């Protein structure tokens, strides 16, 4: 009973939180006439000014009002769409790392451009996670017009991109992609042997569209990297025959762990043998594209 009375008197936690954001919404609206008077180049130049202030030690939170107002004006000029107050509130909630529930037609896609721009100013990259390739491409192109106008680069991760292109897309200021593509890229990066082979960079800030679907419904299905079974019996036999040319000084045995590994001399000797017999045609035994050959060699060594 007391809880019901308190809610009626003071409102819910969400009511109080949104009320606290009211002055910032008013401040953004107050800047609108000033920004409307700027030329396109002057409006675009604000991005460099914001970045310089962040490099000088400014907290991005202190730039929120100016950055949001800048995005709103850029949206009006590129898309002909103006962020309404409810979208400004949604953008602030997302910037705080919270979930913003917005009704159909309230423009959540446009609302997300506000915190995306603000957090991209630090130069560490922002990910926008969507549920399918179509939405990733659509939003990257559609909302990308705002970011491009303001001097930010936009990337899009979709199925079938080679690693070189994925690396370039992830290097953009703003990168759109599906939860599956981002997740599998993370798994594949953790299978790489060298940092320069990885496609993703350090994670900084992400916005998840359809968060209930991605973090609850689809989260029940694990991401598993698998491949078609290979006909490897012949390769095992060839590697096994090579082991006759590997001497005890080429490997180290650990009886306690029941393991055996090639030492540095053994690695060089094995690579030379593999090349001699045409099994290693390019690169090092430890290159990612030779991982299957390394596996077969190690299994033959243990046998």
C-alpha atoms as a PDB file:
ATOM      1  CA  UNK A   1       0.000   0.000   0.000  1.00  0.00           C
ATOM      2  CA  UNK A   2       2.800   2.375   0.931  1.00  0.00           C
ATOM      3  CA  UNK A   3       4.556   1.548  -2.339  1.00  0.00           C
ATOM      4  CA  UNK A   4       1.472   2.477  -4.368  1.00  0.00           C
ATOM      5  CA  UNK A   5       1.146   5.774  -2.505  1.00  0.00           C
ATOM      6  CA  UNK A   6       4.844   6.583  -2.977  1.00  0.00           C
ATOM      7  CA  UNK A   7       4.603   5.815  -6.701  1.00  0.00           C
ATOM      8  CA  UNK A   8       1.651   8.167  -7.062  1.00  0.00           C
ATOM      9  CA  UNK A   9       3.433  10.928  -5.140  1.00  0.00           C
ATOM     10  CA  UNK A  10       6.938  10.623  -6.586  1.00  0.00           C
ATOM     11  CA  UNK A  11       6.475   8.548  -9.753  1.00  0.00           C
ATOM     12  CA  UNK A  12       8.376   5.421 -10.799  1.00  0.00           C
ATOM     13  CA  UNK A  13      12.155   5.190 -11.018  1.00  0.00           C
ATOM     14  CA  UNK A  14      11.886   5.615 -14.803  1.00  0.00           C
ATOM     15  CA  UNK A  15       9.694   8.705 -14.360  1.00  0.00           C
ATOM     16  CA  UNK A  16      12.257  10.284 -12.067  1.00  0.00           C
ATOM     17  CA  UNK A  17      15.145   9.358 -14.382  1.00  0.00           C
ATOM     18  CA  UNK A  18      13.466  10.863 -17.459  1.00  0.00           C
ATOM     19  CA  UNK A  19      12.543  13.977 -15.501  1.00  0.00           C
ATOM     20  CA  UNK A  20      16.209  14.445 -14.656  1.00  0.00           C
ATOM     21  CA  UNK A  21      16.979  14.538 -18.391  1.00  0.00           C
ATOM     22  CA  UNK A  22      14.458  17.294 -19.053  1.00  0.00           C
ATOM     23  CA  UNK A  23      16.915  20.200 -18.675  1.00  0.00           C
ATOM     24  CA  UNK A  24      19.295  18.635 -21.202  1.00  0.00           C
ATOM     25  CA  UNK A  25      16.491  18.259 -23.728  1.00  0.00           C
ATOM     26  CA  UNK A  26      15.659  21.933 -23.210  1.00  0.00           C
ATOM     27  CA  UNK A  27      19.330  22.879 -23.695  1.00  0.00           C
ATOM     28  CA  UNK A  28      19.491  20.940 -26.971  1.00  0.00           C
ATOM     29  CA  UNK A  29      16.343  22.652 -28.222  1.00  0.00           C
ATOM     30  CA  UNK A  30      17.794  26.032 -27.264  1.00  0.00           C
ATOM     31  CA  UNK A  31      20.804  25.437 -29.542  1.00  0.00           C
ATOM     32  CA  UNK A  32      18.671  24.699 -32.588  1.00  0.00           C
ATOM     33  CA  UNK A  33      18.351  28.292 -33.943  1.00  0.00           C
ATOM     34  CA  UNK A  34      22.101  28.829 -33.592  1.00  0.00           C
ATOM     35  CA  UNK A  35      22.979  25.662 -35.515  1.00  0.00           C
ATOM     36  CA  UNK A  36      20.377  26.319 -38.199  1.00  0.00           C
ATOM     37  CA  UNK A  37      22.277  29.500 -39.059  1.00  0.00           C
ATOM     38  CA  UNK A  38      25.568  27.631 -39.686  1.00  0.00           C
ATOM     39  CA  UNK A  39      26.762  26.688 -43.159  1.00  0.00           C
ATOM     40  CA  UNK A  40      27.260  23.017 -43.974  1.00  0.00           C
ATOM     41  CA  UNK A  41      31.031  23.341 -43.643  1.00  0.00           C
ATOM     42  CA  UNK A  42      30.745  25.126 -40.310  1.00  0.00           C
ATOM     43  CA  UNK A  43      28.385  22.457 -38.987  1.00  0.00           C
ATOM     44  CA  UNK A  44      30.700  19.714 -40.198  1.00  0.00           C
ATOM     45  CA  UNK A  45      33.678  21.423 -38.571  1.00  0.00           C
ATOM     46  CA  UNK A  46      32.094  20.898 -35.163  1.00  0.00           C
ATOM     47  CA  UNK A  47      33.150  17.233 -35.343  1.00  0.00           C
ATOM     48  CA  UNK A  48      36.835  18.187 -35.417  1.00  0.00           C
ATOM     49  CA  UNK A  49      36.237  20.660 -32.606  1.00  0.00           C
ATOM     50  CA  UNK A  50      34.587  17.988 -30.460  1.00  0.00           C
ATOM     51  CA  UNK A  51      37.404  15.544 -31.152  1.00  0.00           C
ATOM     52  CA  UNK A  52      40.020  18.101 -30.214  1.00  0.00           C
ATOM     53  CA  UNK A  53      38.264  18.795 -26.926  1.00  0.00           C
ATOM     54  CA  UNK A  54      38.150  15.060 -26.132  1.00  0.00           C
ATOM     55  CA  UNK A  55      41.864  14.731 -26.928  1.00  0.00           C
ATOM     56  CA  UNK A  56      42.453  17.635 -24.555  1.00  0.00           C
ATOM     57  CA  UNK A  57      40.747  15.678 -21.771  1.00  0.00           C
ATOM     58  CA  UNK A  58      37.080  16.631 -22.035  1.00  0.00           C
ATOM     59  CA  UNK A  59      34.548  14.030 -20.911  1.00  0.00           C
ATOM     60  CA  UNK A  60      32.196  13.016 -23.760  1.00  0.00           C
ATOM     61  CA  UNK A  61      29.310  13.451 -21.309  1.00  0.00           C
ATOM     62  CA  UNK A  62      30.130  17.168 -21.204  1.00  0.00           C
ATOM     63  CA  UNK A  63      29.645  17.339 -24.987  1.00  0.00           C
ATOM     64  CA  UNK A  64      26.280  15.576 -25.019  1.00  0.00           C
ATOM     65  CA  UNK A  65      24.087  18.646 -25.473  1.00  0.00           C
ATOM     66  CA  UNK A  66      26.202  20.133 -28.270  1.00  0.00           C
ATOM     67  CA  UNK A  67      26.769  16.784 -30.017  1.00  0.00           C
ATOM     68  CA  UNK A  68      23.099  15.801 -29.948  1.00  0.00           C
ATOM     69  CA  UNK A  69      22.100  19.212 -31.286  1.00  0.00           C
ATOM     70  CA  UNK A  70      24.674  18.852 -34.070  1.00  0.00           C
ATOM     71  CA  UNK A  71      23.354  15.422 -35.107  1.00  0.00           C
ATOM     72  CA  UNK A  72      19.787  16.718 -35.122  1.00  0.00           C
ATOM     73  CA  UNK A  73      20.717  19.554 -37.475  1.00  0.00           C
ATOM     74  CA  UNK A  74      22.726  17.210 -39.716  1.00  0.00           C
ATOM     75  CA  UNK A  75      19.752  14.862 -39.896  1.00  0.00           C
ATOM     76  CA  UNK A  76      17.469  17.695 -40.971  1.00  0.00           C
ATOM     77  CA  UNK A  77      19.854  18.609 -43.791  1.00  0.00           C
ATOM     78  CA  UNK A  78      20.616  15.077 -45.027  1.00  0.00           C
ATOM     79  CA  UNK A  79      17.450  13.089 -44.343  1.00  0.00           C
ATOM     80  CA  UNK A  80      14.878  15.819 -43.873  1.00  0.00           C
ATOM     81  CA  UNK A  81      14.086  14.295 -40.467  1.00  0.00           C
ATOM     82  CA  UNK A  82      14.222  16.102 -37.148  1.00  0.00           C
ATOM     83  CA  UNK A  83      14.793  14.304 -33.852  1.00  0.00           C
ATOM     84  CA  UNK A  84      11.809  14.871 -31.558  1.00  0.00           C
ATOM     85  CA  UNK A  85      12.148  15.225 -27.806  1.00  0.00           C
ATOM     86  CA  UNK A  86      11.248  11.570 -27.227  1.00  0.00           C
ATOM     87  CA  UNK A  87      14.129  10.577 -29.525  1.00  0.00           C
ATOM     88  CA  UNK A  88      16.509  12.857 -27.656  1.00  0.00           C
ATOM     89  CA  UNK A  89      15.462  11.113 -24.436  1.00  0.00           C
ATOM     90  CA  UNK A  90      15.933   7.706 -26.053  1.00  0.00           C
ATOM     91  CA  UNK A  91      19.405   8.692 -27.206  1.00  0.00           C
ATOM     92  CA  UNK A  92      20.386   9.804 -23.701  1.00  0.00           C
ATOM     93  CA  UNK A  93      19.135   6.546 -22.202  1.00  0.00           C
ATOM     94  CA  UNK A  94      21.199   4.541 -24.707  1.00  0.00           C
ATOM     95  CA  UNK A  95      24.259   6.665 -23.986  1.00  0.00           C
ATOM     96  CA  UNK A  96      23.852   5.786 -20.305  1.00  0.00           C
ATOM     97  CA  UNK A  97      24.121   2.099 -21.214  1.00  0.00           C
ATOM     98  CA  UNK A  98      20.469   1.388 -20.509  1.00  0.00           C
ATOM     99  CA  UNK A  99      17.653  -0.164 -22.530  1.00  0.00           C
ATOM    100  CA  UNK A 100      15.303   2.301 -24.214  1.00  0.00           C
ATOM    101  CA  UNK A 101      11.890   0.874 -25.034  1.00  0.00           C
ATOM    102  CA  UNK A 102      10.388   2.882 -27.859  1.00  0.00           C
ATOM    103  CA  UNK A 103       7.071   2.260 -29.554  1.00  0.00           C
ATOM    104  CA  UNK A 104       6.734   1.568 -33.259  1.00  0.00           C
ATOM    105  CA  UNK A 105       6.928   4.862 -35.107  1.00  0.00           C
ATOM    106  CA  UNK A 106       8.887   6.691 -32.422  1.00  0.00           C
ATOM    107  CA  UNK A 107      12.032   6.437 -34.549  1.00  0.00           C
ATOM    108  CA  UNK A 108      14.485   4.288 -32.589  1.00  0.00           C
ATOM    109  CA  UNK A 109      16.809   3.996 -35.609  1.00  0.00           C
ATOM    110  CA  UNK A 110      17.123   7.763 -35.807  1.00  0.00           C
ATOM    111  CA  UNK A 111      17.378   8.068 -32.009  1.00  0.00           C
ATOM    112  CA  UNK A 112      20.399   5.747 -32.004  1.00  0.00           C
ATOM    113  CA  UNK A 113      22.397   8.137 -34.223  1.00  0.00           C
ATOM    114  CA  UNK A 114      22.720  10.536 -31.284  1.00  0.00           C
ATOM    115  CA  UNK A 115      24.761   8.343 -28.885  1.00  0.00           C
ATOM    116  CA  UNK A 116      26.524   6.659 -31.822  1.00  0.00           C
ATOM    117  CA  UNK A 117      27.925  10.007 -32.992  1.00  0.00           C
ATOM    118  CA  UNK A 118      28.832  11.149 -29.474  1.00  0.00           C
ATOM    119  CA  UNK A 119      30.736   7.959 -28.647  1.00  0.00           C
ATOM    120  CA  UNK A 120      32.417   7.753 -32.054  1.00  0.00           C
ATOM    121  CA  UNK A 121      34.120  11.089 -31.422  1.00  0.00           C
ATOM    122  CA  UNK A 122      36.710   9.410 -29.195  1.00  0.00           C
ATOM    123  CA  UNK A 123      38.014   7.519 -32.247  1.00  0.00           C
ATOM    124  CA  UNK A 124      37.718   4.041 -30.715  1.00  0.00           C
ATOM    125  CA  UNK A 125      34.859   2.846 -32.914  1.00  0.00           C
ATOM    126  CA  UNK A 126      31.182   2.164 -32.273  1.00  0.00           C
ATOM    127  CA  UNK A 127      29.287  -1.007 -33.180  1.00  0.00           C
ATOM    128  CA  UNK A 128      25.583  -0.983 -34.035  1.00  0.00           C
ATOM    129  CA  UNK A 129      24.223  -4.528 -33.764  1.00  0.00           C
ATOM    130  CA  UNK A 130      21.172  -5.535 -35.808  1.00  0.00           C
ATOM    131  CA  UNK A 131      19.292  -8.800 -36.353  1.00  0.00           C
ATOM    132  CA  UNK A 132      19.952  -9.430 -40.069  1.00  0.00           C
ATOM    133  CA  UNK A 133      22.121  -8.386 -43.008  1.00  0.00           C
ATOM    134  CA  UNK A 134      19.308  -6.439 -44.650  1.00  0.00           C
ATOM    135  CA  UNK A 135      18.884  -4.110 -41.668  1.00  0.00           C
ATOM    136  CA  UNK A 136      22.644  -3.736 -41.274  1.00  0.00           C
ATOM    137  CA  UNK A 137      23.038  -2.643 -44.912  1.00  0.00           C
ATOM    138  CA  UNK A 138      19.919  -0.466 -44.841  1.00  0.00           C
ATOM    139  CA  UNK A 139      20.835   1.389 -41.668  1.00  0.00           C
ATOM    140  CA  UNK A 140      24.488   1.786 -42.632  1.00  0.00           C
ATOM    141  CA  UNK A 141      23.436   3.437 -45.875  1.00  0.00           C
ATOM    142  CA  UNK A 142      20.453   5.368 -44.501  1.00  0.00           C
ATOM    143  CA  UNK A 143      21.890   6.668 -41.219  1.00  0.00           C
ATOM    144  CA  UNK A 144      25.338   6.730 -42.769  1.00  0.00           C
ATOM    145  CA  UNK A 145      24.354   9.865 -44.638  1.00  0.00           C
ATOM    146  CA  UNK A 146      24.294  11.711 -41.305  1.00  0.00           C
ATOM    147  CA  UNK A 147      27.687  10.390 -40.210  1.00  0.00           C
ATOM    148  CA  UNK A 148      29.256  11.019 -43.605  1.00  0.00           C
ATOM    149  CA  UNK A 149      27.972  14.597 -43.575  1.00  0.00           C
ATOM    150  CA  UNK A 150      29.618  15.097 -40.185  1.00  0.00           C
ATOM    151  CA  UNK A 151      32.942  13.598 -41.275  1.00  0.00           C
ATOM    152  CA  UNK A 152      32.675  10.118 -39.772  1.00  0.00           C
ATOM    153  CA  UNK A 153      33.380   6.892 -41.652  1.00  0.00           C
ATOM    154  CA  UNK A 154      30.807   4.081 -41.762  1.00  0.00           C
ATOM    155  CA  UNK A 155      31.362   0.336 -42.175  1.00  0.00           C
ATOM    156  CA  UNK A 156      29.037  -2.631 -42.589  1.00  0.00           C
ATOM    157  CA  UNK A 157      29.772  -6.285 -41.826  1.00  0.00           C
ATOM    158  CA  UNK A 158      27.723  -8.784 -43.831  1.00  0.00           C
ATOM    159  CA  UNK A 159      28.039 -12.465 -44.666  1.00  0.00           C
ATOM    160  CA  UNK A 160      30.711 -13.475 -47.146  1.00  0.00           C
ATOM    161  CA  UNK A 161      33.193 -10.617 -46.722  1.00  0.00           C
ATOM    162  CA  UNK A 162      36.881 -11.632 -46.864  1.00  0.00           C
ATOM    163  CA  UNK A 163      39.085 -10.846 -43.858  1.00  0.00           C
ATOM    164  CA  UNK A 164      40.801  -7.905 -45.570  1.00  0.00           C
ATOM    165  CA  UNK A 165      37.456  -6.206 -46.185  1.00  0.00           C
ATOM    166  CA  UNK A 166      36.159  -7.062 -42.713  1.00  0.00           C
ATOM    167  CA  UNK A 167      39.244  -5.458 -41.183  1.00  0.00           C
ATOM    168  CA  UNK A 168      38.596  -2.285 -43.190  1.00  0.00           C
ATOM    169  CA  UNK A 169      34.926  -2.160 -42.191  1.00  0.00           C
ATOM    170  CA  UNK A 170      35.742  -2.635 -38.506  1.00  0.00           C
ATOM    171  CA  UNK A 171      38.265   0.212 -38.700  1.00  0.00           C
ATOM    172  CA  UNK A 172      35.455   2.688 -39.495  1.00  0.00           C
ATOM    173  CA  UNK A 173      34.171   5.151 -36.891  1.00  0.00           C
ATOM    174  CA  UNK A 174      30.766   3.432 -36.968  1.00  0.00           C
ATOM    175  CA  UNK A 175      30.287  -0.219 -37.930  1.00  0.00           C
ATOM    176  CA  UNK A 176      26.928  -1.911 -38.508  1.00  0.00           C
ATOM    177  CA  UNK A 177      26.596  -5.687 -38.388  1.00  0.00           C
ATOM    178  CA  UNK A 178      24.523  -8.591 -37.153  1.00  0.00           C
ATOM    179  CA  UNK A 179      25.049 -10.267 -33.807  1.00  0.00           C
ATOM    180  CA  UNK A 180      26.004 -13.502 -35.570  1.00  0.00           C
ATOM    181  CA  UNK A 181      28.606 -11.922 -37.833  1.00  0.00           C
ATOM    182  CA  UNK A 182      30.178  -9.953 -34.960  1.00  0.00           C
ATOM    183  CA  UNK A 183      30.116 -13.009 -32.713  1.00  0.00           C
ATOM    184  CA  UNK A 184      31.692 -15.360 -35.253  1.00  0.00           C
ATOM    185  CA  UNK A 185      34.360 -12.771 -36.104  1.00  0.00           C
ATOM    186  CA  UNK A 186      35.215 -12.643 -32.400  1.00  0.00           C
ATOM    187  CA  UNK A 187      35.526 -16.441 -32.262  1.00  0.00           C
ATOM    188  CA  UNK A 188      37.618 -16.575 -35.444  1.00  0.00           C
ATOM    189  CA  UNK A 189      39.892 -13.790 -34.155  1.00  0.00           C
ATOM    190  CA  UNK A 190      40.593 -15.874 -31.060  1.00  0.00           C
ATOM    191  CA  UNK A 191      41.785 -18.681 -33.338  1.00  0.00           C
ATOM    192  CA  UNK A 192      44.344 -16.476 -35.108  1.00  0.00           C
ATOM    193  CA  UNK A 193      48.054 -16.795 -34.385  1.00  0.00           C
ATOM    194  CA  UNK A 194      49.061 -13.172 -35.019  1.00  0.00           C
ATOM    195  CA  UNK A 195      47.481  -9.858 -34.068  1.00  0.00           C
ATOM    196  CA  UNK A 196      47.733  -8.515 -37.602  1.00  0.00           C
ATOM    197  CA  UNK A 197      45.523 -11.388 -38.806  1.00  0.00           C
ATOM    198  CA  UNK A 198      42.640 -10.322 -36.566  1.00  0.00           C
ATOM    199  CA  UNK A 199      39.801  -8.304 -38.083  1.00  0.00           C
ATOM    200  CA  UNK A 200      38.187  -6.684 -35.036  1.00  0.00           C
ATOM    201  CA  UNK A 201      39.715  -3.974 -32.911  1.00  0.00           C
ATOM    202  CA  UNK A 202      39.285  -3.240 -29.211  1.00  0.00           C
ATOM    203  CA  UNK A 203      35.644  -2.947 -28.171  1.00  0.00           C
ATOM    204  CA  UNK A 204      34.511   0.432 -26.858  1.00  0.00           C
ATOM    205  CA  UNK A 205      30.777   1.140 -27.276  1.00  0.00           C
ATOM    206  CA  UNK A 206      27.901  -0.763 -28.873  1.00  0.00           C
ATOM    207  CA  UNK A 207      24.192  -0.258 -29.383  1.00  0.00           C
ATOM    208  CA  UNK A 208      22.031  -3.357 -29.768  1.00  0.00           C
ATOM    209  CA  UNK A 209      18.846  -3.072 -31.816  1.00  0.00           C
ATOM    210  CA  UNK A 210      16.017  -5.484 -30.916  1.00  0.00           C
ATOM    211  CA  UNK A 211      17.866  -6.160 -27.661  1.00  0.00           C
ATOM    212  CA  UNK A 212      15.269  -8.618 -26.346  1.00  0.00           C
ATOM    213  CA  UNK A 213      15.609 -10.782 -29.436  1.00  0.00           C
ATOM    214  CA  UNK A 214      19.418 -10.705 -29.554  1.00  0.00           C
ATOM    215  CA  UNK A 215      20.289 -10.950 -25.857  1.00  0.00           C
ATOM    216  CA  UNK A 216      17.458 -13.263 -24.766  1.00  0.00           C
ATOM    217  CA  UNK A 217      15.872 -15.225 -27.619  1.00  0.00           C
ATOM    218  CA  UNK A 218      18.893 -15.751 -29.879  1.00  0.00           C
ATOM    219  CA  UNK A 219      21.289 -15.989 -26.918  1.00  0.00           C
ATOM    220  CA  UNK A 220      19.882 -19.461 -26.267  1.00  0.00           C
ATOM    221  CA  UNK A 221      21.579 -20.686 -29.433  1.00  0.00           C
ATOM    222  CA  UNK A 222      25.364 -20.936 -29.062  1.00  0.00           C
ATOM    223  CA  UNK A 223      27.698 -19.769 -31.811  1.00  0.00           C
ATOM    224  CA  UNK A 224      29.647 -22.811 -32.986  1.00  0.00           C
ATOM    225  CA  UNK A 225      32.402 -22.825 -35.594  1.00  0.00           C
ATOM    226  CA  UNK A 226      32.371 -26.046 -37.546  1.00  0.00           C
ATOM    227  CA  UNK A 227      33.207 -27.305 -41.004  1.00  0.00           C
ATOM    228  CA  UNK A 228      32.602 -30.180 -43.320  1.00  0.00           C
ATOM    229  CA  UNK A 229      34.416 -33.404 -42.456  1.00  0.00           C
ATOM    230  CA  UNK A 230      37.578 -33.852 -44.467  1.00  0.00           C
ATOM    231  CA  UNK A 231      38.951 -37.021 -46.015  1.00  0.00           C
ATOM    232  CA  UNK A 232      42.173 -36.943 -44.003  1.00  0.00           C
ATOM    233  CA  UNK A 233      43.221 -40.600 -43.760  1.00  0.00           C
ATOM    234  CA  UNK A 234      45.757 -40.194 -46.573  1.00  0.00           C
ATOM    235  CA  UNK A 235      47.226 -37.085 -44.948  1.00  0.00           C
ATOM    236  CA  UNK A 236      47.542 -38.916 -41.623  1.00  0.00           C
ATOM    237  CA  UNK A 237      49.420 -41.755 -43.321  1.00  0.00           C
ATOM    238  CA  UNK A 238      51.770 -39.372 -45.112  1.00  0.00           C
ATOM    239  CA  UNK A 239      52.486 -37.459 -41.890  1.00  0.00           C
ATOM    240  CA  UNK A 240      53.020 -40.763 -40.072  1.00  0.00           C
ATOM    241  CA  UNK A 241      55.637 -41.818 -42.628  1.00  0.00           C
ATOM    242  CA  UNK A 242      57.432 -38.494 -42.108  1.00  0.00           C
ATOM    243  CA  UNK A 243      57.752 -39.206 -38.392  1.00  0.00           C
ATOM    244  CA  UNK A 244      60.333 -41.879 -39.265  1.00  0.00           C
ATOM    245  CA  UNK A 245      62.661 -38.976 -40.131  1.00  0.00           C
ATOM    246  CA  UNK A 246      62.055 -37.142 -36.854  1.00  0.00           C
ATOM    247  CA  UNK A 247      64.643 -37.890 -34.165  1.00  0.00           C
ATOM    248  CA  UNK A 248      64.401 -37.666 -30.331  1.00  0.00           C
ATOM    249  CA  UNK A 249      66.420 -34.437 -30.377  1.00  0.00           C
ATOM    250  CA  UNK A 250      63.607 -32.842 -32.394  1.00  0.00           C
ATOM    251  CA  UNK A 251      60.932 -33.078 -29.712  1.00  0.00           C
ATOM    252  CA  UNK A 252      60.347 -32.910 -25.964  1.00  0.00           C
ATOM    253  CA  UNK A 253      58.297 -35.431 -23.988  1.00  0.00           C
ATOM    254  CA  UNK A 254      56.429 -34.772 -20.773  1.00  0.00           C
ATOM    255  CA  UNK A 255      55.626 -38.119 -19.165  1.00  0.00           C
ATOM    256  CA  UNK A 256      53.541 -36.554 -16.410  1.00  0.00           C
ATOM    257  CA  UNK A 257      51.318 -34.619 -18.819  1.00  0.00           C
ATOM    258  CA  UNK A 258      51.536 -37.421 -21.375  1.00  0.00           C
ATOM    259  CA  UNK A 259      52.409 -34.919 -24.099  1.00  0.00           C
ATOM    260  CA  UNK A 260      55.038 -34.508 -26.785  1.00  0.00           C
ATOM    261  CA  UNK A 261      55.869 -31.272 -28.636  1.00  0.00           C
ATOM    262  CA  UNK A 262      58.325 -30.260 -31.301  1.00  0.00           C
ATOM    263  CA  UNK A 263      61.169 -28.033 -30.131  1.00  0.00           C
ATOM    264  CA  UNK A 264      62.539 -25.210 -32.259  1.00  0.00           C
ATOM    265  CA  UNK A 265      64.925 -27.495 -34.103  1.00  0.00           C
ATOM    266  CA  UNK A 266      62.123 -29.999 -34.644  1.00  0.00           C
ATOM    267  CA  UNK A 267      59.838 -27.341 -36.060  1.00  0.00           C
ATOM    268  CA  UNK A 268      62.444 -26.291 -38.618  1.00  0.00           C
ATOM    269  CA  UNK A 269      63.194 -29.924 -39.472  1.00  0.00           C
ATOM    270  CA  UNK A 270      59.489 -30.775 -39.841  1.00  0.00           C
ATOM    271  CA  UNK A 271      58.798 -27.782 -42.074  1.00  0.00           C
ATOM    272  CA  UNK A 272      61.706 -28.812 -44.288  1.00  0.00           C
ATOM    273  CA  UNK A 273      60.332 -32.363 -44.523  1.00  0.00           C
ATOM    274  CA  UNK A 274      56.825 -31.156 -45.318  1.00  0.00           C
ATOM    275  CA  UNK A 275      58.110 -28.900 -48.083  1.00  0.00           C
ATOM    276  CA  UNK A 276      60.296 -31.677 -49.479  1.00  0.00           C
ATOM    277  CA  UNK A 277      57.304 -33.987 -49.764  1.00  0.00           C
ATOM    278  CA  UNK A 278      54.965 -31.295 -51.126  1.00  0.00           C
ATOM    279  CA  UNK A 279      52.695 -31.071 -48.083  1.00  0.00           C
ATOM    280  CA  UNK A 280      53.694 -27.513 -47.109  1.00  0.00           C
ATOM    281  CA  UNK A 281      53.496 -25.352 -50.212  1.00  0.00           C
ATOM    282  CA  UNK A 282      53.485 -21.826 -48.775  1.00  0.00           C
ATOM    283  CA  UNK A 283      54.031 -19.908 -45.572  1.00  0.00           C
ATOM    284  CA  UNK A 284      54.897 -21.291 -42.176  1.00  0.00           C
ATOM    285  CA  UNK A 285      53.544 -24.406 -40.519  1.00  0.00           C
ATOM    286  CA  UNK A 286      51.948 -22.099 -37.954  1.00  0.00           C
ATOM    287  CA  UNK A 287      50.106 -19.884 -40.446  1.00  0.00           C
ATOM    288  CA  UNK A 288      46.335 -19.999 -40.060  1.00  0.00           C
ATOM    289  CA  UNK A 289      45.800 -21.663 -43.455  1.00  0.00           C
ATOM    290  CA  UNK A 290      48.108 -24.511 -42.407  1.00  0.00           C
ATOM    291  CA  UNK A 291      46.352 -25.207 -39.103  1.00  0.00           C
ATOM    292  CA  UNK A 292      44.929 -28.520 -40.359  1.00  0.00           C
ATOM    293  CA  UNK A 293      48.380 -29.716 -41.436  1.00  0.00           C
ATOM    294  CA  UNK A 294      49.812 -28.778 -38.020  1.00  0.00           C
ATOM    295  CA  UNK A 295      47.046 -30.766 -36.330  1.00  0.00           C
ATOM    296  CA  UNK A 296      47.778 -33.885 -38.419  1.00  0.00           C
ATOM    297  CA  UNK A 297      51.516 -33.570 -37.756  1.00  0.00           C
ATOM    298  CA  UNK A 298      51.027 -33.276 -33.995  1.00  0.00           C
ATOM    299  CA  UNK A 299      48.695 -36.263 -33.942  1.00  0.00           C
ATOM    300  CA  UNK A 300      51.236 -38.341 -35.863  1.00  0.00           C
ATOM    301  CA  UNK A 301      53.975 -37.253 -33.467  1.00  0.00           C
ATOM    302  CA  UNK A 302      51.917 -38.344 -30.454  1.00  0.00           C
ATOM    303  CA  UNK A 303      51.182 -41.697 -32.064  1.00  0.00           C
END
